[in-house]
Amino acid sequence: MKKTLNRTGTITLFLLVAFFVLPVVSLFSLDVDGTTWGAYPRILFRADNRFYIGSQEPIAEGTYSQTGNVITLNYVDRPVGNGPYAKIIDEVGTTLTIVELDDDVIYAYKLVGSGGAEFFGMSPPEGATRKVGNITVYVYSAGGAANENARMREGPGTNYNNVVYYGSQVIVPKGEEIYCYGRSENQTTIDGVTAYWYYCGYMAGYYEFAYGWIWGGLIDFKK
């Protein structure tokens, strides 16, 4: 009987601590100090609790505070009126919520503004498994260049269709730079060479990237 009472008392004490104490402690550990989120416009959080929004010159700035996964923006300078910059800041709003991404190989988190704007940032940890559609990807970050004309495909295999960008199939010319964000689960042997497929980005247009899979035998890595 004594053991039952002690156990009940311990459980009661635990529940009281969990209910009244634990909620005070934030369970969200991501600190945005010193980080930059993009792509356009970018938002920079400085360690002195100041923030800047803009790609080259700030279009808005002020101070910020973070509580858990919510960042509150206090604007010191911001555009007003009906211009495009004012609209951007309206979409950002006064609070940003940090959202962890489960199935994104390039980014691990995004910030969602109270006005609907989204900023992406932070790379997933190397070796983590993510998803591109229904395909398992192992995070692997490396730069490289095509060692011959390389087809970009919709999946890790020659049985997948070519990626189409603005009506044209994406073929990375020999010597052109690409950036790899992840690799396939399995390797493929082509002409006696065995290599993984890599999920890559290639600047196929004016400051615009096409994304898809390139067989590793066609890539010279710089990592």
C-alpha atoms as a PDB file:
ATOM      1  CA  MET A   1       0.000   0.000   0.000  1.00  0.00           C
ATOM      2  CA  LYS A   2       2.852   2.338   0.826  1.00  0.00           C
ATOM      3  CA  LYS A   3       4.489   1.766  -2.586  1.00  0.00           C
ATOM      4  CA  THR A   4       1.226   2.573  -4.356  1.00  0.00           C
ATOM      5  CA  LEU A   5       0.882   5.848  -2.466  1.00  0.00           C
ATOM      6  CA  ASN A   6       4.490   6.851  -3.213  1.00  0.00           C
ATOM      7  CA  ARG A   7       4.115   6.046  -6.889  1.00  0.00           C
ATOM      8  CA  THR A   8       0.865   8.006  -7.063  1.00  0.00           C
ATOM      9  CA  GLY A   9       2.512  10.963  -5.331  1.00  0.00           C
ATOM     10  CA  THR A  10       5.452  10.857  -7.755  1.00  0.00           C
ATOM     11  CA  ILE A  11       3.146  10.784 -10.770  1.00  0.00           C
ATOM     12  CA  THR A  12       1.094  13.652  -9.366  1.00  0.00           C
ATOM     13  CA  LEU A  13       4.243  15.721  -8.780  1.00  0.00           C
ATOM     14  CA  PHE A  14       5.454  14.993 -12.333  1.00  0.00           C
ATOM     15  CA  LEU A  15       2.143  16.069 -13.841  1.00  0.00           C
ATOM     16  CA  LEU A  16       2.166  19.289 -11.834  1.00  0.00           C
ATOM     17  CA  VAL A  17       5.726  20.071 -12.995  1.00  0.00           C
ATOM     18  CA  ALA A  18       4.875  19.207 -16.603  1.00  0.00           C
ATOM     19  CA  PHE A  19       1.730  21.358 -16.550  1.00  0.00           C
ATOM     20  CA  PHE A  20       3.053  24.434 -14.781  1.00  0.00           C
ATOM     21  CA  VAL A  21       6.810  24.466 -15.455  1.00  0.00           C
ATOM     22  CA  LEU A  22       7.566  22.842 -18.803  1.00  0.00           C
ATOM     23  CA  PRO A  23       5.327  25.135 -20.917  1.00  0.00           C
ATOM     24  CA  VAL A  24       7.475  28.062 -19.784  1.00  0.00           C
ATOM     25  CA  VAL A  25      10.518  26.471 -21.439  1.00  0.00           C
ATOM     26  CA  SER A  26      10.519  26.716 -25.242  1.00  0.00           C
ATOM     27  CA  LEU A  27      10.844  23.325 -26.920  1.00  0.00           C
ATOM     28  CA  PHE A  28      11.901  24.989 -30.198  1.00  0.00           C
ATOM     29  CA  SER A  29      15.678  25.261 -30.354  1.00  0.00           C
ATOM     30  CA  LEU A  30      16.317  27.039 -33.686  1.00  0.00           C
ATOM     31  CA  ASP A  31      17.904  30.446 -33.065  1.00  0.00           C
ATOM     32  CA  VAL A  32      17.804  32.744 -36.101  1.00  0.00           C
ATOM     33  CA  ASP A  33      20.508  35.158 -34.843  1.00  0.00           C
ATOM     34  CA  GLY A  34      23.096  35.743 -37.577  1.00  0.00           C
ATOM     35  CA  THR A  35      21.185  33.864 -40.299  1.00  0.00           C
ATOM     36  CA  THR A  36      20.011  34.955 -43.752  1.00  0.00           C
ATOM     37  CA  TRP A  37      16.860  33.662 -45.432  1.00  0.00           C
ATOM     38  CA  GLY A  38      15.967  34.052 -49.102  1.00  0.00           C
ATOM     39  CA  ALA A  39      15.565  34.244 -51.937  1.00  0.00           C
ATOM     40  CA  TYR A  40      13.821  37.500 -52.876  1.00  0.00           C
ATOM     41  CA  PRO A  41      13.701  39.548 -50.910  1.00  0.00           C
ATOM     42  CA  ARG A  42      16.158  38.221 -48.363  1.00  0.00           C
ATOM     43  CA  ILE A  43      15.829  38.773 -44.654  1.00  0.00           C
ATOM     44  CA  LEU A  44      18.905  39.015 -42.442  1.00  0.00           C
ATOM     45  CA  PHE A  45      18.806  38.605 -38.671  1.00  0.00           C
ATOM     46  CA  ARG A  46      21.825  40.130 -36.941  1.00  0.00           C
ATOM     47  CA  ALA A  47      23.115  39.048 -33.555  1.00  0.00           C
ATOM     48  CA  ASP A  48      22.329  42.518 -32.152  1.00  0.00           C
ATOM     49  CA  ASN A  49      18.601  41.834 -32.661  1.00  0.00           C
ATOM     50  CA  ARG A  50      18.322  43.997 -35.750  1.00  0.00           C
ATOM     51  CA  PHE A  51      16.842  42.740 -39.023  1.00  0.00           C
ATOM     52  CA  TYR A  52      17.068  43.896 -42.622  1.00  0.00           C
ATOM     53  CA  ILE A  53      14.807  42.991 -45.544  1.00  0.00           C
ATOM     54  CA  GLY A  54      16.170  43.423 -49.072  1.00  0.00           C
ATOM     55  CA  SER A  55      18.521  41.808 -51.550  1.00  0.00           C
ATOM     56  CA  GLN A  56      21.183  44.498 -52.013  1.00  0.00           C
ATOM     57  CA  GLU A  57      19.996  47.559 -50.135  1.00  0.00           C
ATOM     58  CA  PRO A  58      17.501  47.285 -47.249  1.00  0.00           C
ATOM     59  CA  ILE A  59      13.902  48.082 -48.144  1.00  0.00           C
ATOM     60  CA  ALA A  60      12.898  47.724 -44.493  1.00  0.00           C
ATOM     61  CA  GLU A  61      14.689  47.319 -41.164  1.00  0.00           C
ATOM     62  CA  GLY A  62      14.109  47.310 -37.453  1.00  0.00           C
ATOM     63  CA  THR A  63      14.504  45.124 -34.384  1.00  0.00           C
ATOM     64  CA  TYR A  64      13.201  41.650 -33.671  1.00  0.00           C
ATOM     65  CA  SER A  65      12.569  39.263 -30.808  1.00  0.00           C
ATOM     66  CA  GLN A  66      12.064  35.508 -30.843  1.00  0.00           C
ATOM     67  CA  THR A  67       9.883  33.381 -28.588  1.00  0.00           C
ATOM     68  CA  GLY A  68       9.944  29.722 -29.539  1.00  0.00           C
ATOM     69  CA  ASN A  69       9.132  29.454 -33.234  1.00  0.00           C
ATOM     70  CA  VAL A  70       7.617  32.952 -33.529  1.00  0.00           C
ATOM     71  CA  ILE A  71       9.665  36.012 -34.500  1.00  0.00           C
ATOM     72  CA  THR A  72       8.179  39.461 -33.880  1.00  0.00           C
ATOM     73  CA  LEU A  73       9.323  42.304 -36.139  1.00  0.00           C
ATOM     74  CA  ASN A  74       9.366  45.895 -34.930  1.00  0.00           C
ATOM     75  CA  TYR A  75       9.869  48.141 -37.956  1.00  0.00           C
ATOM     76  CA  VAL A  76      12.000  51.256 -37.613  1.00  0.00           C
ATOM     77  CA  ASP A  77      12.018  52.052 -41.329  1.00  0.00           C
ATOM     78  CA  ARG A  78       9.672  50.598 -43.935  1.00  0.00           C
ATOM     79  CA  PRO A  79       8.087  51.680 -47.240  1.00  0.00           C
ATOM     80  CA  VAL A  80       4.540  53.009 -47.153  1.00  0.00           C
ATOM     81  CA  GLY A  81       1.906  53.619 -49.802  1.00  0.00           C
ATOM     82  CA  ASN A  82       0.891  51.391 -52.704  1.00  0.00           C
ATOM     83  CA  GLY A  83       4.298  50.728 -54.260  1.00  0.00           C
ATOM     84  CA  PRO A  84       5.789  47.257 -54.866  1.00  0.00           C
ATOM     85  CA  TYR A  85       8.116  47.465 -51.844  1.00  0.00           C
ATOM     86  CA  ALA A  86       5.248  48.411 -49.549  1.00  0.00           C
ATOM     87  CA  LYS A  87       3.305  45.407 -50.840  1.00  0.00           C
ATOM     88  CA  ILE A  88       6.235  43.113 -50.102  1.00  0.00           C
ATOM     89  CA  ILE A  89       6.442  44.319 -46.514  1.00  0.00           C
ATOM     90  CA  ASP A  90       2.681  43.967 -46.106  1.00  0.00           C
ATOM     91  CA  GLU A  91       3.079  40.319 -47.143  1.00  0.00           C
ATOM     92  CA  VAL A  92       5.840  39.862 -44.568  1.00  0.00           C
ATOM     93  CA  GLY A  93       3.706  41.371 -41.807  1.00  0.00           C
ATOM     94  CA  THR A  94       4.784  41.819 -38.206  1.00  0.00           C
ATOM     95  CA  THR A  95       5.377  38.203 -37.211  1.00  0.00           C
ATOM     96  CA  LEU A  96       7.195  35.279 -38.806  1.00  0.00           C
ATOM     97  CA  THR A  97       6.587  31.653 -37.855  1.00  0.00           C
ATOM     98  CA  ILE A  98       9.354  29.067 -38.242  1.00  0.00           C
ATOM     99  CA  VAL A  99       8.141  25.904 -39.987  1.00  0.00           C
ATOM    100  CA  GLU A 100      10.310  22.778 -40.178  1.00  0.00           C
ATOM    101  CA  LEU A 101      10.250  21.121 -43.610  1.00  0.00           C
ATOM    102  CA  ASP A 102      10.113  17.329 -43.728  1.00  0.00           C
ATOM    103  CA  ASP A 103      10.411  16.684 -47.456  1.00  0.00           C
ATOM    104  CA  ASP A 104      12.744  19.347 -48.823  1.00  0.00           C
ATOM    105  CA  VAL A 105      16.293  18.443 -49.801  1.00  0.00           C
ATOM    106  CA  ILE A 106      17.502  22.022 -50.205  1.00  0.00           C
ATOM    107  CA  TYR A 107      16.009  23.702 -47.150  1.00  0.00           C
ATOM    108  CA  ALA A 108      15.318  22.512 -43.620  1.00  0.00           C
ATOM    109  CA  TYR A 109      13.070  25.416 -42.532  1.00  0.00           C
ATOM    110  CA  LYS A 110      10.957  28.237 -43.849  1.00  0.00           C
ATOM    111  CA  LEU A 111       9.621  31.440 -42.314  1.00  0.00           C
ATOM    112  CA  VAL A 112       5.963  32.218 -42.957  1.00  0.00           C
ATOM    113  CA  GLY A 113       4.990  35.862 -42.567  1.00  0.00           C
ATOM    114  CA  SER A 114       1.669  36.887 -41.062  1.00  0.00           C
ATOM    115  CA  GLY A 115       0.873  38.421 -44.464  1.00  0.00           C
ATOM    116  CA  GLY A 116       1.681  35.195 -46.337  1.00  0.00           C
ATOM    117  CA  ALA A 117       5.287  35.788 -47.463  1.00  0.00           C
ATOM    118  CA  GLU A 118       7.700  32.854 -47.257  1.00  0.00           C
ATOM    119  CA  PHE A 119      11.473  32.840 -46.725  1.00  0.00           C
ATOM    120  CA  PHE A 120      13.517  29.654 -47.005  1.00  0.00           C
ATOM    121  CA  GLY A 121      16.817  28.855 -45.331  1.00  0.00           C
ATOM    122  CA  MET A 122      19.087  26.453 -43.454  1.00  0.00           C
ATOM    123  CA  SER A 123      20.334  23.267 -45.141  1.00  0.00           C
ATOM    124  CA  PRO A 124      19.263  19.869 -43.808  1.00  0.00           C
ATOM    125  CA  PRO A 125      22.070  17.939 -42.050  1.00  0.00           C
ATOM    126  CA  GLU A 126      24.436  15.958 -44.279  1.00  0.00           C
ATOM    127  CA  GLY A 127      23.352  12.341 -44.644  1.00  0.00           C
ATOM    128  CA  ALA A 128      19.768  12.933 -43.516  1.00  0.00           C
ATOM    129  CA  THR A 129      17.060  11.260 -45.588  1.00  0.00           C
ATOM    130  CA  ARG A 130      14.469  13.453 -47.261  1.00  0.00           C
ATOM    131  CA  LYS A 131      11.934  13.086 -50.051  1.00  0.00           C
ATOM    132  CA  VAL A 132      11.627  14.493 -53.553  1.00  0.00           C
ATOM    133  CA  GLY A 133       8.137  13.413 -54.474  1.00  0.00           C
ATOM    134  CA  ASN A 134       8.126   9.743 -53.475  1.00  0.00           C
ATOM    135  CA  ILE A 135      11.883   9.278 -53.991  1.00  0.00           C
ATOM    136  CA  THR A 136      14.182   8.874 -50.991  1.00  0.00           C
ATOM    137  CA  VAL A 137      17.153  11.238 -51.100  1.00  0.00           C
ATOM    138  CA  TYR A 138      20.266  11.310 -48.918  1.00  0.00           C
ATOM    139  CA  VAL A 139      21.342  14.890 -48.281  1.00  0.00           C
ATOM    140  CA  TYR A 140      24.725  15.511 -49.911  1.00  0.00           C
ATOM    141  CA  SER A 141      25.940  19.040 -50.625  1.00  0.00           C
ATOM    142  CA  ALA A 142      28.654  19.534 -53.219  1.00  0.00           C
ATOM    143  CA  GLY A 143      29.503  21.668 -56.203  1.00  0.00           C
ATOM    144  CA  GLY A 144      30.646  20.236 -59.499  1.00  0.00           C
ATOM    145  CA  ALA A 145      30.688  20.503 -63.258  1.00  0.00           C
ATOM    146  CA  ALA A 146      29.461  18.276 -66.072  1.00  0.00           C
ATOM    147  CA  ASN A 147      32.337  16.308 -67.591  1.00  0.00           C
ATOM    148  CA  GLU A 148      30.287  15.851 -70.773  1.00  0.00           C
ATOM    149  CA  ASN A 149      26.824  16.887 -71.917  1.00  0.00           C
ATOM    150  CA  ALA A 150      24.567  15.590 -69.138  1.00  0.00           C
ATOM    151  CA  ARG A 151      20.839  14.974 -69.294  1.00  0.00           C
ATOM    152  CA  MET A 152      18.826  16.070 -66.271  1.00  0.00           C
ATOM    153  CA  ARG A 153      16.082  13.571 -65.445  1.00  0.00           C
ATOM    154  CA  GLU A 154      12.951  13.582 -63.292  1.00  0.00           C
ATOM    155  CA  GLY A 155      14.223  10.667 -61.201  1.00  0.00           C
ATOM    156  CA  PRO A 156      17.385   8.644 -60.474  1.00  0.00           C
ATOM    157  CA  GLY A 157      17.491   6.410 -63.530  1.00  0.00           C
ATOM    158  CA  THR A 158      17.568   6.366 -67.306  1.00  0.00           C
ATOM    159  CA  ASN A 159      13.954   5.186 -67.286  1.00  0.00           C
ATOM    160  CA  TYR A 160      12.818   8.615 -66.067  1.00  0.00           C
ATOM    161  CA  ASN A 161      11.843  11.406 -68.471  1.00  0.00           C
ATOM    162  CA  ASN A 162      14.102  14.365 -69.070  1.00  0.00           C
ATOM    163  CA  VAL A 163      13.405  17.524 -67.104  1.00  0.00           C
ATOM    164  CA  VAL A 164      11.716  20.101 -69.335  1.00  0.00           C
ATOM    165  CA  TYR A 165      12.393  23.785 -68.737  1.00  0.00           C
ATOM    166  CA  TYR A 166      10.304  26.324 -70.689  1.00  0.00           C
ATOM    167  CA  GLY A 167       9.535  23.725 -73.358  1.00  0.00           C
ATOM    168  CA  SER A 168      13.097  22.433 -73.798  1.00  0.00           C
ATOM    169  CA  GLN A 169      14.792  19.367 -72.353  1.00  0.00           C
ATOM    170  CA  VAL A 170      17.520  20.267 -69.880  1.00  0.00           C
ATOM    171  CA  ILE A 171      20.947  19.085 -70.994  1.00  0.00           C
ATOM    172  CA  VAL A 172      23.832  20.551 -68.993  1.00  0.00           C
ATOM    173  CA  PRO A 173      26.687  21.371 -71.397  1.00  0.00           C
ATOM    174  CA  LYS A 174      30.141  19.970 -70.680  1.00  0.00           C
ATOM    175  CA  GLY A 175      32.029  22.192 -68.246  1.00  0.00           C
ATOM    176  CA  GLU A 176      28.917  23.962 -66.905  1.00  0.00           C
ATOM    177  CA  GLU A 177      28.605  24.242 -63.151  1.00  0.00           C
ATOM    178  CA  ILE A 178      25.933  22.421 -61.200  1.00  0.00           C
ATOM    179  CA  TYR A 179      25.189  22.120 -57.501  1.00  0.00           C
ATOM    180  CA  CYS A 180      24.176  18.850 -55.858  1.00  0.00           C
ATOM    181  CA  TYR A 181      21.804  18.738 -52.895  1.00  0.00           C
ATOM    182  CA  GLY A 182      21.378  14.992 -52.427  1.00  0.00           C
ATOM    183  CA  ARG A 183      22.104  11.539 -53.811  1.00  0.00           C
ATOM    184  CA  SER A 184      20.031   8.485 -54.617  1.00  0.00           C
ATOM    185  CA  GLU A 185      19.579   5.481 -52.367  1.00  0.00           C
ATOM    186  CA  ASN A 186      21.131   3.079 -54.892  1.00  0.00           C
ATOM    187  CA  GLN A 187      23.889   3.227 -57.482  1.00  0.00           C
ATOM    188  CA  THR A 188      23.640   2.561 -61.217  1.00  0.00           C
ATOM    189  CA  THR A 189      26.280   1.025 -63.472  1.00  0.00           C
ATOM    190  CA  ILE A 190      26.562   2.548 -66.952  1.00  0.00           C
ATOM    191  CA  ASP A 191      29.336   1.570 -69.383  1.00  0.00           C
ATOM    192  CA  GLY A 192      31.238  -0.135 -66.567  1.00  0.00           C
ATOM    193  CA  VAL A 193      31.087   2.878 -64.226  1.00  0.00           C
ATOM    194  CA  THR A 194      29.087   2.624 -60.999  1.00  0.00           C
ATOM    195  CA  ALA A 195      27.820   5.829 -59.387  1.00  0.00           C
ATOM    196  CA  TYR A 196      24.914   7.356 -57.497  1.00  0.00           C
ATOM    197  CA  TRP A 197      22.429   9.710 -59.092  1.00  0.00           C
ATOM    198  CA  TYR A 198      22.479  13.234 -57.699  1.00  0.00           C
ATOM    199  CA  TYR A 199      19.636  15.681 -57.245  1.00  0.00           C
ATOM    200  CA  CYS A 200      21.037  18.888 -58.719  1.00  0.00           C
ATOM    201  CA  GLY A 201      20.303  22.472 -59.562  1.00  0.00           C
ATOM    202  CA  TYR A 202      21.478  24.063 -62.817  1.00  0.00           C
ATOM    203  CA  MET A 203      21.050  27.669 -63.910  1.00  0.00           C
ATOM    204  CA  ALA A 204      19.110  26.962 -67.070  1.00  0.00           C
ATOM    205  CA  GLY A 205      17.742  30.478 -67.490  1.00  0.00           C
ATOM    206  CA  TYR A 206      18.288  34.056 -66.417  1.00  0.00           C
ATOM    207  CA  TYR A 207      18.867  33.655 -62.668  1.00  0.00           C
ATOM    208  CA  GLU A 208      16.491  30.688 -62.657  1.00  0.00           C
ATOM    209  CA  PHE A 209      17.405  27.122 -61.736  1.00  0.00           C
ATOM    210  CA  ALA A 210      16.141  23.842 -63.130  1.00  0.00           C
ATOM    211  CA  TYR A 211      16.198  20.927 -60.688  1.00  0.00           C
ATOM    212  CA  GLY A 212      16.524  17.237 -61.423  1.00  0.00           C
ATOM    213  CA  TRP A 213      18.704  14.136 -61.364  1.00  0.00           C
ATOM    214  CA  ILE A 214      22.088  13.679 -63.039  1.00  0.00           C
ATOM    215  CA  TRP A 215      24.076  10.449 -62.976  1.00  0.00           C
ATOM    216  CA  GLY A 216      27.275  10.822 -60.932  1.00  0.00           C
ATOM    217  CA  GLY A 217      29.494   9.476 -63.703  1.00  0.00           C
ATOM    218  CA  LEU A 218      28.798  12.689 -65.603  1.00  0.00           C
ATOM    219  CA  ILE A 219      29.846  14.983 -62.741  1.00  0.00           C
ATOM    220  CA  ASP A 220      33.306  16.135 -61.658  1.00  0.00           C
ATOM    221  CA  PHE A 221      32.857  17.057 -57.999  1.00  0.00           C
ATOM    222  CA  LYS A 222      34.730  19.914 -56.338  1.00  0.00           C
ATOM    223  CA  LYS A 223      34.041  18.707 -52.803  1.00  0.00           C
END
